[in-house]
C-alpha atoms as a PDB file:
ATOM      1  CA  UNK A   1      38.517   5.891  17.090  1.00  0.00           C
ATOM      2  CA  UNK A   2      37.755   5.284  20.819  1.00  0.00           C
ATOM      3  CA  UNK A   3      33.967   5.079  21.618  1.00  0.00           C
ATOM      4  CA  UNK A   4      32.270   8.534  22.269  1.00  0.00           C
ATOM      5  CA  UNK A   5      29.104   6.701  24.031  1.00  0.00           C
ATOM      6  CA  UNK A   6      28.789   8.259  27.658  1.00  0.00           C
ATOM      7  CA  UNK A   7      30.826  10.991  27.117  1.00  0.00           C
ATOM      8  CA  UNK A   8      29.615  14.247  28.567  1.00  0.00           C
ATOM      9  CA  UNK A   9      29.913  17.857  27.435  1.00  0.00           C
ATOM     10  CA  UNK A  10      28.427  21.012  29.010  1.00  0.00           C
ATOM     11  CA  UNK A  11      27.550  24.009  26.845  1.00  0.00           C
ATOM     12  CA  UNK A  12      27.323  27.849  27.813  1.00  0.00           C
ATOM     13  CA  UNK A  13      26.571  31.009  25.950  1.00  0.00           C
ATOM     14  CA  UNK A  14      28.592  34.104  27.088  1.00  0.00           C
ATOM     15  CA  UNK A  15      28.853  37.933  26.583  1.00  0.00           C
ATOM     16  CA  UNK A  16      26.566  39.701  24.536  1.00  0.00           C
ATOM     17  CA  UNK A  17      23.006  38.066  23.006  1.00  0.00           C
ATOM     18  CA  UNK A  18      22.728  37.555  19.240  1.00  0.00           C
ATOM     19  CA  UNK A  19      21.011  35.452  16.688  1.00  0.00           C
ATOM     20  CA  UNK A  20      21.805  31.869  16.072  1.00  0.00           C
ATOM     21  CA  UNK A  21      22.745  31.358  19.685  1.00  0.00           C
ATOM     22  CA  UNK A  22      19.839  28.704  20.045  1.00  0.00           C
ATOM     23  CA  UNK A  23      20.415  27.101  16.611  1.00  0.00           C
ATOM     24  CA  UNK A  24      24.139  26.340  17.392  1.00  0.00           C
ATOM     25  CA  UNK A  25      23.104  25.331  20.973  1.00  0.00           C
ATOM     26  CA  UNK A  26      20.910  22.821  18.864  1.00  0.00           C
ATOM     27  CA  UNK A  27      23.665  21.843  16.158  1.00  0.00           C
ATOM     28  CA  UNK A  28      26.357  21.116  19.175  1.00  0.00           C
ATOM     29  CA  UNK A  29      23.502  19.307  21.255  1.00  0.00           C
ATOM     30  CA  UNK A  30      21.745  17.349  19.081  1.00  0.00           C
ATOM     31  CA  UNK A  31      24.674  15.858  16.815  1.00  0.00           C
ATOM     32  CA  UNK A  32      26.525  15.163  20.142  1.00  0.00           C
ATOM     33  CA  UNK A  33      23.610  13.204  21.697  1.00  0.00           C
ATOM     34  CA  UNK A  34      21.847  11.704  18.563  1.00  0.00           C
ATOM     35  CA  UNK A  35      25.354  10.878  16.443  1.00  0.00           C
ATOM     36  CA  UNK A  36      27.976  10.525  19.234  1.00  0.00           C
ATOM     37  CA  UNK A  37      25.778   9.425  21.956  1.00  0.00           C
ATOM     38  CA  UNK A  38      26.920  11.701  24.500  1.00  0.00           C
ATOM     39  CA  UNK A  39      25.248  13.152  27.510  1.00  0.00           C
ATOM     40  CA  UNK A  40      24.339  16.939  27.036  1.00  0.00           C
ATOM     41  CA  UNK A  41      24.542  19.395  30.264  1.00  0.00           C
ATOM     42  CA  UNK A  42      23.638  23.351  29.675  1.00  0.00           C
ATOM     43  CA  UNK A  43      25.056  25.508  31.934  1.00  0.00           C
ATOM     44  CA  UNK A  44      23.348  28.750  32.677  1.00  0.00           C
ATOM     45  CA  UNK A  45      24.565  32.399  32.722  1.00  0.00           C
ATOM     46  CA  UNK A  46      27.647  32.112  30.503  1.00  0.00           C
ATOM     47  CA  UNK A  47      30.908  31.486  33.011  1.00  0.00           C
ATOM     48  CA  UNK A  48      28.434  32.403  36.104  1.00  0.00           C
ATOM     49  CA  UNK A  49      26.823  28.922  35.716  1.00  0.00           C
ATOM     50  CA  UNK A  50      30.164  27.176  35.443  1.00  0.00           C
ATOM     51  CA  UNK A  51      31.188  29.085  38.908  1.00  0.00           C
ATOM     52  CA  UNK A  52      27.907  28.204  40.581  1.00  0.00           C
ATOM     53  CA  UNK A  53      27.532  24.949  39.611  1.00  0.00           C
ATOM     54  CA  UNK A  54      24.362  25.448  37.607  1.00  0.00           C
ATOM     55  CA  UNK A  55      23.117  23.467  34.874  1.00  0.00           C
ATOM     56  CA  UNK A  56      20.652  21.264  33.520  1.00  0.00           C
ATOM     57  CA  UNK A  57      20.682  17.836  31.442  1.00  0.00           C
ATOM     58  CA  UNK A  58      19.678  18.699  28.068  1.00  0.00           C
ATOM     59  CA  UNK A  59      17.443  15.982  26.269  1.00  0.00           C
ATOM     60  CA  UNK A  60      16.749  15.919  22.437  1.00  0.00           C
ATOM     61  CA  UNK A  61      13.509  17.415  23.099  1.00  0.00           C
ATOM     62  CA  UNK A  62      14.989  20.316  25.005  1.00  0.00           C
ATOM     63  CA  UNK A  63      16.957  21.151  21.940  1.00  0.00           C
ATOM     64  CA  UNK A  64      14.148  20.666  19.325  1.00  0.00           C
ATOM     65  CA  UNK A  65      12.314  23.624  17.830  1.00  0.00           C
ATOM     66  CA  UNK A  66      14.719  26.133  18.612  1.00  0.00           C
ATOM     67  CA  UNK A  67      16.646  26.538  15.657  1.00  0.00           C
ATOM     68  CA  UNK A  68      14.628  29.651  14.792  1.00  0.00           C
ATOM     69  CA  UNK A  69      14.193  31.190  17.813  1.00  0.00           C
ATOM     70  CA  UNK A  70      15.982  34.283  19.219  1.00  0.00           C
ATOM     71  CA  UNK A  71      17.939  34.805  22.401  1.00  0.00           C
ATOM     72  CA  UNK A  72      19.778  31.703  24.191  1.00  0.00           C
ATOM     73  CA  UNK A  73      17.848  29.434  26.115  1.00  0.00           C
ATOM     74  CA  UNK A  74      20.947  29.160  28.593  1.00  0.00           C
ATOM     75  CA  UNK A  75      21.237  32.517  29.382  1.00  0.00           C
ATOM     76  CA  UNK A  76      24.040  34.627  29.347  1.00  0.00           C
ATOM     77  CA  UNK A  77      26.103  36.985  31.229  1.00  0.00           C
ATOM     78  CA  UNK A  78      29.157  39.286  30.939  1.00  0.00           C
ATOM     79  CA  UNK A  79      30.881  37.167  33.949  1.00  0.00           C
ATOM     80  CA  UNK A  80      34.564  37.083  33.545  1.00  0.00           C
ATOM     81  CA  UNK A  81      36.193  34.414  35.973  1.00  0.00           C
ATOM     82  CA  UNK A  82      40.162  35.167  35.469  1.00  0.00           C
ATOM     83  CA  UNK A  83      39.210  38.929  36.195  1.00  0.00           C
ATOM     84  CA  UNK A  84      40.315  39.907  39.629  1.00  0.00           C
ATOM     85  CA  UNK A  85      37.674  39.224  42.180  1.00  0.00           C
ATOM     86  CA  UNK A  86      36.626  39.784  45.568  1.00  0.00           C
ATOM     87  CA  UNK A  87      37.541  36.205  46.724  1.00  0.00           C
ATOM     88  CA  UNK A  88      39.931  36.561  49.348  1.00  0.00           C
ATOM     89  CA  UNK A  89      42.889  33.903  49.772  1.00  0.00           C
ATOM     90  CA  UNK A  90      40.753  31.990  52.409  1.00  0.00           C
ATOM     91  CA  UNK A  91      38.004  31.174  49.347  1.00  0.00           C
ATOM     92  CA  UNK A  92      38.809  29.366  46.140  1.00  0.00           C
ATOM     93  CA  UNK A  93      39.494  31.602  43.104  1.00  0.00           C
ATOM     94  CA  UNK A  94      36.388  31.421  40.516  1.00  0.00           C
ATOM     95  CA  UNK A  95      38.814  29.315  38.171  1.00  0.00           C
ATOM     96  CA  UNK A  96      39.417  26.892  40.522  1.00  0.00           C
ATOM     97  CA  UNK A  97      35.531  26.590  41.546  1.00  0.00           C
ATOM     98  CA  UNK A  98      35.197  26.211  37.647  1.00  0.00           C
ATOM     99  CA  UNK A  99      37.626  23.241  37.601  1.00  0.00           C
ATOM    100  CA  UNK A 100      35.809  21.266  40.343  1.00  0.00           C
ATOM    101  CA  UNK A 101      32.663  21.726  39.411  1.00  0.00           C
ATOM    102  CA  UNK A 102      33.708  20.217  35.827  1.00  0.00           C
ATOM    103  CA  UNK A 103      35.288  17.586  37.517  1.00  0.00           C
ATOM    104  CA  UNK A 104      32.763  16.860  39.834  1.00  0.00           C
ATOM    105  CA  UNK A 105      30.015  16.417  36.827  1.00  0.00           C
ATOM    106  CA  UNK A 106      32.740  14.104  34.849  1.00  0.00           C
ATOM    107  CA  UNK A 107      32.606  16.736  31.894  1.00  0.00           C
ATOM    108  CA  UNK A 108      34.669  15.603  29.044  1.00  0.00           C
ATOM    109  CA  UNK A 109      34.707  18.915  27.663  1.00  0.00           C
ATOM    110  CA  UNK A 110      33.322  22.379  27.962  1.00  0.00           C
ATOM    111  CA  UNK A 111      31.545  23.692  24.642  1.00  0.00           C
ATOM    112  CA  UNK A 112      32.244  27.865  25.261  1.00  0.00           C
ATOM    113  CA  UNK A 113      29.573  29.891  22.665  1.00  0.00           C
ATOM    114  CA  UNK A 114      30.935  33.680  22.353  1.00  0.00           C
ATOM    115  CA  UNK A 115      32.896  36.124  21.183  1.00  0.00           C
ATOM    116  CA  UNK A 116      36.407  37.585  21.616  1.00  0.00           C
ATOM    117  CA  UNK A 117      36.164  37.647  25.197  1.00  0.00           C
ATOM    118  CA  UNK A 118      34.754  34.432  25.351  1.00  0.00           C
ATOM    119  CA  UNK A 119      37.200  33.064  23.440  1.00  0.00           C
ATOM    120  CA  UNK A 120      40.064  34.353  25.487  1.00  0.00           C
ATOM    121  CA  UNK A 121      38.380  33.214  28.686  1.00  0.00           C
ATOM    122  CA  UNK A 122      37.982  29.809  26.779  1.00  0.00           C
ATOM    123  CA  UNK A 123      41.714  29.577  25.926  1.00  0.00           C
ATOM    124  CA  UNK A 124      42.254  30.496  29.625  1.00  0.00           C
ATOM    125  CA  UNK A 125      39.711  27.394  30.645  1.00  0.00           C
ATOM    126  CA  UNK A 126      42.204  25.202  28.398  1.00  0.00           C
ATOM    127  CA  UNK A 127      45.476  26.465  29.905  1.00  0.00           C
ATOM    128  CA  UNK A 128      43.864  25.649  33.516  1.00  0.00           C
ATOM    129  CA  UNK A 129      43.322  22.014  32.801  1.00  0.00           C
ATOM    130  CA  UNK A 130      39.842  22.138  31.414  1.00  0.00           C
ATOM    131  CA  UNK A 131      39.222  20.681  27.558  1.00  0.00           C
ATOM    132  CA  UNK A 132      37.215  23.370  25.688  1.00  0.00           C
ATOM    133  CA  UNK A 133      35.969  24.041  22.484  1.00  0.00           C
ATOM    134  CA  UNK A 134      34.972  27.522  21.197  1.00  0.00           C
ATOM    135  CA  UNK A 135      32.345  28.668  19.021  1.00  0.00           C
ATOM    136  CA  UNK A 136      32.413  32.041  17.364  1.00  0.00           C
ATOM    137  CA  UNK A 137      29.472  34.115  17.781  1.00  0.00           C
ATOM    138  CA  UNK A 138      28.920  37.845  17.309  1.00  0.00           C
ATOM    139  CA  UNK A 139      27.195  40.718  15.396  1.00  0.00           C
ATOM    140  CA  UNK A 140      30.700  42.423  15.402  1.00  0.00           C
ATOM    141  CA  UNK A 141      32.393  39.934  12.958  1.00  0.00           C
ATOM    142  CA  UNK A 142      35.525  40.801  14.348  1.00  0.00           C
ATOM    143  CA  UNK A 143      36.776  37.476  15.742  1.00  0.00           C
ATOM    144  CA  UNK A 144      40.114  36.503  14.513  1.00  0.00           C
ATOM    145  CA  UNK A 145      40.730  33.011  12.674  1.00  0.00           C
ATOM    146  CA  UNK A 146      37.277  32.680  11.081  1.00  0.00           C
ATOM    147  CA  UNK A 147      35.991  34.511   7.865  1.00  0.00           C
ATOM    148  CA  UNK A 148      32.361  34.809   9.518  1.00  0.00           C
ATOM    149  CA  UNK A 149      30.523  34.676  12.622  1.00  0.00           C
ATOM    150  CA  UNK A 150      26.833  33.834  13.123  1.00  0.00           C
ATOM    151  CA  UNK A 151      24.647  36.842  14.082  1.00  0.00           C
ATOM    152  CA  UNK A 152      26.639  39.144  11.564  1.00  0.00           C
ATOM    153  CA  UNK A 153      23.997  38.441   8.882  1.00  0.00           C
ATOM    154  CA  UNK A 154      21.110  38.863  10.842  1.00  0.00           C
ATOM    155  CA  UNK A 155      22.386  42.202  12.031  1.00  0.00           C
ATOM    156  CA  UNK A 156      23.185  43.408   8.747  1.00  0.00           C
ATOM    157  CA  UNK A 157      19.788  42.907   7.332  1.00  0.00           C
ATOM    158  CA  UNK A 158      18.500  44.583  10.701  1.00  0.00           C
ATOM    159  CA  UNK A 159      20.896  47.441  10.500  1.00  0.00           C
ATOM    160  CA  UNK A 160      20.095  47.589   6.330  1.00  0.00           C
ATOM    161  CA  UNK A 161      16.299  47.606   6.794  1.00  0.00           C
ATOM    162  CA  UNK A 162      16.603  50.493   9.575  1.00  0.00           C
ATOM    163  CA  UNK A 163      18.890  52.413   7.054  1.00  0.00           C
ATOM    164  CA  UNK A 164      16.124  51.711   4.054  1.00  0.00           C
ATOM    165  CA  UNK A 165      13.552  53.335   6.360  1.00  0.00           C
ATOM    166  CA  UNK A 166      15.495  56.624   7.688  1.00  0.00           C
ATOM    167  CA  UNK A 167      15.993  57.447   3.583  1.00  0.00           C
ATOM    168  CA  UNK A 168      12.423  58.312   3.423  1.00  0.00           C
ATOM    169  CA  UNK A 169      12.311  60.852   6.206  1.00  0.00           C
ATOM    170  CA  UNK A 170      15.990  61.902   5.396  1.00  0.00           C
ATOM    171  CA  UNK A 171      14.521  62.449   1.661  1.00  0.00           C
ATOM    172  CA  UNK A 172      10.705  64.010   2.949  1.00  0.00           C
ATOM    173  CA  UNK A 173      12.663  66.539   5.423  1.00  0.00           C
ATOM    174  CA  UNK A 174      15.614  67.300   3.028  1.00  0.00           C
ATOM    175  CA  UNK A 175      17.512  66.200   6.046  1.00  0.00           C
ATOM    176  CA  UNK A 176      21.028  64.754   7.095  1.00  0.00           C
ATOM    177  CA  UNK A 177      20.366  61.794   8.775  1.00  0.00           C
ATOM    178  CA  UNK A 178      23.176  60.067  11.136  1.00  0.00           C
ATOM    179  CA  UNK A 179      22.568  56.208  11.500  1.00  0.00           C
ATOM    180  CA  UNK A 180      25.004  55.137  14.357  1.00  0.00           C
ATOM    181  CA  UNK A 181      25.339  50.870  14.231  1.00  0.00           C
ATOM    182  CA  UNK A 182      27.154  48.593  16.805  1.00  0.00           C
ATOM    183  CA  UNK A 183      30.535  46.733  16.694  1.00  0.00           C
ATOM    184  CA  UNK A 184      32.792  48.195  19.058  1.00  0.00           C
ATOM    185  CA  UNK A 185      36.180  48.906  17.602  1.00  0.00           C
ATOM    186  CA  UNK A 186      35.977  46.866  14.141  1.00  0.00           C
ATOM    187  CA  UNK A 187      33.392  48.417  11.360  1.00  0.00           C
ATOM    188  CA  UNK A 188      32.415  45.176   9.435  1.00  0.00           C
ATOM    189  CA  UNK A 189      28.902  45.818  10.504  1.00  0.00           C
ATOM    190  CA  UNK A 190      28.812  49.647   9.529  1.00  0.00           C
ATOM    191  CA  UNK A 191      30.769  48.787   6.112  1.00  0.00           C
ATOM    192  CA  UNK A 192      28.267  45.968   4.727  1.00  0.00           C
ATOM    193  CA  UNK A 193      24.711  47.589   6.423  1.00  0.00           C
ATOM    194  CA  UNK A 194      26.012  51.104   4.818  1.00  0.00           C
ATOM    195  CA  UNK A 195      26.719  49.864   1.433  1.00  0.00           C
ATOM    196  CA  UNK A 196      23.935  47.281   1.356  1.00  0.00           C
ATOM    197  CA  UNK A 197      21.432  50.888   2.739  1.00  0.00           C
ATOM    198  CA  UNK A 198      22.834  53.072   0.108  1.00  0.00           C
ATOM    199  CA  UNK A 199      24.529  55.126   2.611  1.00  0.00           C
ATOM    200  CA  UNK A 200      26.258  58.362   1.380  1.00  0.00           C
ATOM    201  CA  UNK A 201      29.063  58.911   4.015  1.00  0.00           C
ATOM    202  CA  UNK A 202      30.529  55.791   5.877  1.00  0.00           C
ATOM    203  CA  UNK A 203      32.789  55.971   8.998  1.00  0.00           C
ATOM    204  CA  UNK A 204      34.476  53.093  10.526  1.00  0.00           C
ATOM    205  CA  UNK A 205      37.091  52.966  13.158  1.00  0.00           C
ATOM    206  CA  UNK A 206      39.811  51.809  10.649  1.00  0.00           C
ATOM    207  CA  UNK A 207      39.603  54.836   8.654  1.00  0.00           C
ATOM    208  CA  UNK A 208      40.087  57.975  10.150  1.00  0.00           C
ATOM    209  CA  UNK A 209      37.585  60.706   9.268  1.00  0.00           C
ATOM    210  CA  UNK A 210      38.786  64.688   8.643  1.00  0.00           C
ATOM    211  CA  UNK A 211      35.719  66.939  10.038  1.00  0.00           C
ATOM    212  CA  UNK A 212      36.467  69.348   6.816  1.00  0.00           C
ATOM    213  CA  UNK A 213      36.120  66.709   4.461  1.00  0.00           C
ATOM    214  CA  UNK A 214      32.580  65.340   5.708  1.00  0.00           C
ATOM    215  CA  UNK A 215      31.700  68.700   5.261  1.00  0.00           C
ATOM    216  CA  UNK A 216      33.277  69.463   1.610  1.00  0.00           C
ATOM    217  CA  UNK A 217      31.669  66.097   0.766  1.00  0.00           C
ATOM    218  CA  UNK A 218      27.902  66.979   2.514  1.00  0.00           C
ATOM    219  CA  UNK A 219      27.956  70.572   1.027  1.00  0.00           C
ATOM    220  CA  UNK A 220      29.174  69.638  -2.468  1.00  0.00           C
ATOM    221  CA  UNK A 221      26.140  66.978  -2.603  1.00  0.00           C
ATOM    222  CA  UNK A 222      24.065  70.177  -1.311  1.00  0.00           C
ATOM    223  CA  UNK A 223      25.359  72.262  -4.067  1.00  0.00           C
ATOM    224  CA  UNK A 224      24.592  69.319  -7.102  1.00  0.00           C
ATOM    225  CA  UNK A 225      20.698  69.326  -6.058  1.00  0.00           C
ATOM    226  CA  UNK A 226      21.017  66.484  -3.405  1.00  0.00           C
ATOM    227  CA  UNK A 227      19.821  68.255  -0.250  1.00  0.00           C
ATOM    228  CA  UNK A 228      19.613  64.868   1.920  1.00  0.00           C
ATOM    229  CA  UNK A 229      22.233  62.365   2.805  1.00  0.00           C
ATOM    230  CA  UNK A 230      22.691  58.874   4.769  1.00  0.00           C
ATOM    231  CA  UNK A 231      25.842  59.198   7.175  1.00  0.00           C
ATOM    232  CA  UNK A 232      26.234  55.760   8.513  1.00  0.00           C
ATOM    233  CA  UNK A 233      28.883  55.744  11.459  1.00  0.00           C
ATOM    234  CA  UNK A 234      30.035  52.945  13.544  1.00  0.00           C
ATOM    235  CA  UNK A 235      30.009  53.192  17.730  1.00  0.00           C
ATOM    236  CA  UNK A 236      33.562  52.719  17.929  1.00  0.00           C
ATOM    237  CA  UNK A 237      34.834  55.990  15.652  1.00  0.00           C
ATOM    238  CA  UNK A 238      37.167  58.179  17.297  1.00  0.00           C
ATOM    239  CA  UNK A 239      35.074  60.827  18.967  1.00  0.00           C
ATOM    240  CA  UNK A 240      37.105  63.678  21.272  1.00  0.00           C
ATOM    241  CA  UNK A 241      38.047  63.986  24.452  1.00  0.00           C
ATOM    242  CA  UNK A 242      40.666  61.245  23.433  1.00  0.00           C
ATOM    243  CA  UNK A 243      42.692  61.485  26.885  1.00  0.00           C
ATOM    244  CA  UNK A 244      43.778  59.044  29.665  1.00  0.00           C
ATOM    245  CA  UNK A 245      40.922  58.123  31.788  1.00  0.00           C
ATOM    246  CA  UNK A 246      38.822  60.660  30.299  1.00  0.00           C
ATOM    247  CA  UNK A 247      35.791  59.333  28.945  1.00  0.00           C
ATOM    248  CA  UNK A 248      33.539  60.943  26.089  1.00  0.00           C
ATOM    249  CA  UNK A 249      30.828  62.425  26.899  1.00  0.00           C
ATOM    250  CA  UNK A 250      28.539  61.727  23.532  1.00  0.00           C
ATOM    251  CA  UNK A 251      27.866  58.741  21.450  1.00  0.00           C
ATOM    252  CA  UNK A 252      29.405  58.298  18.001  1.00  0.00           C
ATOM    253  CA  UNK A 253      25.987  59.015  16.110  1.00  0.00           C
ATOM    254  CA  UNK A 254      25.508  62.271  18.445  1.00  0.00           C
ATOM    255  CA  UNK A 255      28.925  63.681  18.075  1.00  0.00           C
ATOM    256  CA  UNK A 256      29.265  63.510  13.886  1.00  0.00           C
ATOM    257  CA  UNK A 257      25.479  64.807  13.992  1.00  0.00           C
ATOM    258  CA  UNK A 258      26.099  67.854  16.086  1.00  0.00           C
ATOM    259  CA  UNK A 259      29.611  68.562  14.054  1.00  0.00           C
ATOM    260  CA  UNK A 260      27.627  67.985  10.728  1.00  0.00           C
ATOM    261  CA  UNK A 261      24.615  70.155  11.721  1.00  0.00           C
ATOM    262  CA  UNK A 262      27.443  72.994  12.692  1.00  0.00           C
ATOM    263  CA  UNK A 263      29.787  72.917   9.857  1.00  0.00           C
ATOM    264  CA  UNK A 264      27.133  72.908   6.923  1.00  0.00           C
ATOM    265  CA  UNK A 265      24.040  74.564   8.530  1.00  0.00           C
ATOM    266  CA  UNK A 266      21.861  71.787   7.396  1.00  0.00           C
ATOM    267  CA  UNK A 267      19.436  70.013   9.784  1.00  0.00           C
ATOM    268  CA  UNK A 268      20.832  67.199  10.905  1.00  0.00           C
ATOM    269  CA  UNK A 269      19.554  64.200  13.075  1.00  0.00           C
ATOM    270  CA  UNK A 270      20.731  60.919  14.811  1.00  0.00           C
ATOM    271  CA  UNK A 271      19.188  57.691  14.985  1.00  0.00           C
ATOM    272  CA  UNK A 272      21.243  55.329  17.125  1.00  0.00           C
ATOM    273  CA  UNK A 273      20.089  51.619  16.222  1.00  0.00           C
ATOM    274  CA  UNK A 274      21.535  49.993  19.501  1.00  0.00           C
ATOM    275  CA  UNK A 275      19.928  46.703  20.883  1.00  0.00           C
ATOM    276  CA  UNK A 276      17.613  46.287  18.135  1.00  0.00           C
ATOM    277  CA  UNK A 277      20.259  45.012  15.697  1.00  0.00           C
ATOM    278  CA  UNK A 278      21.570  42.095  17.971  1.00  0.00           C
ATOM    279  CA  UNK A 279      17.247  41.188  18.396  1.00  0.00           C
ATOM    280  CA  UNK A 280      14.688  38.421  16.847  1.00  0.00           C
ATOM    281  CA  UNK A 281      14.856  35.212  14.882  1.00  0.00           C
ATOM    282  CA  UNK A 282      18.666  34.453  13.050  1.00  0.00           C
ATOM    283  CA  UNK A 283      18.572  35.097   9.293  1.00  0.00           C
ATOM    284  CA  UNK A 284      18.707  31.788   7.304  1.00  0.00           C
ATOM    285  CA  UNK A 285      22.445  32.463   5.985  1.00  0.00           C
ATOM    286  CA  UNK A 286      23.018  32.415  10.246  1.00  0.00           C
ATOM    287  CA  UNK A 287      20.904  29.549  11.084  1.00  0.00           C
ATOM    288  CA  UNK A 288      23.201  27.594   8.636  1.00  0.00           C
ATOM    289  CA  UNK A 289      26.421  29.216   9.853  1.00  0.00           C
ATOM    290  CA  UNK A 290      25.603  28.042  13.585  1.00  0.00           C
ATOM    291  CA  UNK A 291      24.437  24.430  12.457  1.00  0.00           C
ATOM    292  CA  UNK A 292      27.655  24.127  10.690  1.00  0.00           C
ATOM    293  CA  UNK A 293      30.049  25.341  13.360  1.00  0.00           C
ATOM    294  CA  UNK A 294      28.018  23.991  16.112  1.00  0.00           C
ATOM    295  CA  UNK A 295      27.573  20.194  14.566  1.00  0.00           C
ATOM    296  CA  UNK A 296      31.322  20.007  13.686  1.00  0.00           C
ATOM    297  CA  UNK A 297      32.322  20.814  17.234  1.00  0.00           C
ATOM    298  CA  UNK A 298      31.017  17.915  17.899  1.00  0.00           C
ATOM    299  CA  UNK A 299      32.803  16.251  15.909  1.00  0.00           C
ATOM    300  CA  UNK A 300      36.155  17.855  17.059  1.00  0.00           C
ATOM    301  CA  UNK A 301      35.099  16.916  20.638  1.00  0.00           C
ATOM    302  CA  UNK A 302      34.611  13.154  19.451  1.00  0.00           C
ATOM    303  CA  UNK A 303      38.272  13.522  17.989  1.00  0.00           C
ATOM    304  CA  UNK A 304      39.387  15.190  20.829  1.00  0.00           C
ATOM    305  CA  UNK A 305      40.325  18.201  19.374  1.00  0.00           C
ATOM    306  CA  UNK A 306      40.280  19.964  22.543  1.00  0.00           C
ATOM    307  CA  UNK A 307      41.814  24.228  22.808  1.00  0.00           C
ATOM    308  CA  UNK A 308      40.642  24.980  19.316  1.00  0.00           C
ATOM    309  CA  UNK A 309      37.708  26.951  17.936  1.00  0.00           C
ATOM    310  CA  UNK A 310      35.548  25.966  14.802  1.00  0.00           C
ATOM    311  CA  UNK A 311      36.071  28.385  12.458  1.00  0.00           C
ATOM    312  CA  UNK A 312      34.733  29.025   8.962  1.00  0.00           C
ATOM    313  CA  UNK A 313      37.357  29.523   6.203  1.00  0.00           C
ATOM    314  CA  UNK A 314      37.337  29.581   2.379  1.00  0.00           C
ATOM    315  CA  UNK A 315      33.738  27.999   2.472  1.00  0.00           C
ATOM    316  CA  UNK A 316      34.699  25.198   5.006  1.00  0.00           C
ATOM    317  CA  UNK A 317      34.645  24.655   8.815  1.00  0.00           C
ATOM    318  CA  UNK A 318      38.044  23.614  10.227  1.00  0.00           C
ATOM    319  CA  UNK A 319      39.855  24.052  13.976  1.00  0.00           C
ATOM    320  CA  UNK A 320      41.726  26.865  15.010  1.00  0.00           C
ATOM    321  CA  UNK A 321      43.711  26.849  18.027  1.00  0.00           C
ATOM    322  CA  UNK A 322      42.189  29.060  20.595  1.00  0.00           C
ATOM    323  CA  UNK A 323      45.641  30.170  21.777  1.00  0.00           C
ATOM    324  CA  UNK A 324      45.948  31.856  18.101  1.00  0.00           C
ATOM    325  CA  UNK A 325      42.555  33.537  18.612  1.00  0.00           C
ATOM    326  CA  UNK A 326      42.856  34.853  22.161  1.00  0.00           C
ATOM    327  CA  UNK A 327      43.611  38.676  22.592  1.00  0.00           C
ATOM    328  CA  UNK A 328      43.331  39.275  18.774  1.00  0.00           C
ATOM    329  CA  UNK A 329      40.737  41.429  16.918  1.00  0.00           C
ATOM    330  CA  UNK A 330      39.570  40.942  13.440  1.00  0.00           C
ATOM    331  CA  UNK A 331      39.626  44.343  11.930  1.00  0.00           C
ATOM    332  CA  UNK A 332      38.848  45.811   8.260  1.00  0.00           C
ATOM    333  CA  UNK A 333      41.908  46.147   6.400  1.00  0.00           C
ATOM    334  CA  UNK A 334      42.122  49.177   4.459  1.00  0.00           C
ATOM    335  CA  UNK A 335      42.421  47.904   1.126  1.00  0.00           C
ATOM    336  CA  UNK A 336      39.189  45.370   1.111  1.00  0.00           C
ATOM    337  CA  UNK A 337      37.802  45.229  -2.047  1.00  0.00           C
ATOM    338  CA  UNK A 338      34.230  46.001  -1.099  1.00  0.00           C
ATOM    339  CA  UNK A 339      35.888  49.446   0.310  1.00  0.00           C
ATOM    340  CA  UNK A 340      37.140  50.483  -3.329  1.00  0.00           C
ATOM    341  CA  UNK A 341      33.893  49.414  -4.942  1.00  0.00           C
ATOM    342  CA  UNK A 342      32.156  51.874  -2.318  1.00  0.00           C
ATOM    343  CA  UNK A 343      34.583  54.702  -3.213  1.00  0.00           C
ATOM    344  CA  UNK A 344      34.149  54.301  -6.935  1.00  0.00           C
ATOM    345  CA  UNK A 345      30.311  54.804  -6.312  1.00  0.00           C
ATOM    346  CA  UNK A 346      31.220  58.040  -4.450  1.00  0.00           C
ATOM    347  CA  UNK A 347      30.956  56.630  -1.281  1.00  0.00           C
ATOM    348  CA  UNK A 348      32.805  58.923   1.365  1.00  0.00           C
ATOM    349  CA  UNK A 349      34.720  57.440   3.902  1.00  0.00           C
ATOM    350  CA  UNK A 350      35.805  60.737   5.623  1.00  0.00           C
ATOM    351  CA  UNK A 351      39.558  60.527   4.597  1.00  0.00           C
ATOM    352  CA  UNK A 352      41.039  62.302   1.359  1.00  0.00           C
ATOM    353  CA  UNK A 353      42.316  59.399  -1.104  1.00  0.00           C
END
């Protein structure tokens, strides 16, 4: 293997923040510097730092003491450099600016830590002639090609604790409590926190719900002497109006709360967890996963495995081609054993079997 000493790598964190980003930066950077003798540079504010040539050389000291810290020391943004921009034909495009800045600094690889959008952009950068390695992070756990993303376990813990607390209020007031959980178009976070928190109803995008089924189930519980129910709802479930070009005017949690109260006559209250699910210190499991992915990323770079994403598959960390990952979404399969087990406990998913 050729010597890696003197190689230069850049690291950026893009998209939404989530627990474990700093652990991943530490895993990549310290392994790259200490084991492989590489120089490490951190770009600020995601891909915006690449466009604007804003970076800092990271020392081992810079990457120490951040394992347990939430957020990202590099900052982040939702900049999409391949999106049609306001640059006219006389000005360089953002991808051209990025390539020029990468070549000027002499980077051998750019590590892109992020979710689905980040992996898509990273793949485009690779096709644009820039050596890239992707690292998957998201509380949504919806990145194709990896069994688990860091950030997910922390968010499940946070959402579950919130649902646990909602139980006492629901029981005290004999109310129906609707808890809206993040996850975009995938129901992983809602499913896991809903099951862990003992949700009576769990609504996820992958299983279309029926209003009548919700009504029947909640009234059945009421008739059985259970006057309160916990309804855990994914933000991405279908909410009217579903028309081309027309945005829905209610969040999923607010909508489900309204129809339950209208259909059953039972007092119903919504709680939208929102950004609290993305904040704070990462769980031990996320610290470990982020560190494993990070350290393996440095190894991938040393072996010249560019255009790939470090992934967790069957308990091992392996490379997966970014070309396979980009543009694909990992959703909850309808035959997932956890769903069948939850149904056996009389959990309602809003659909008739």
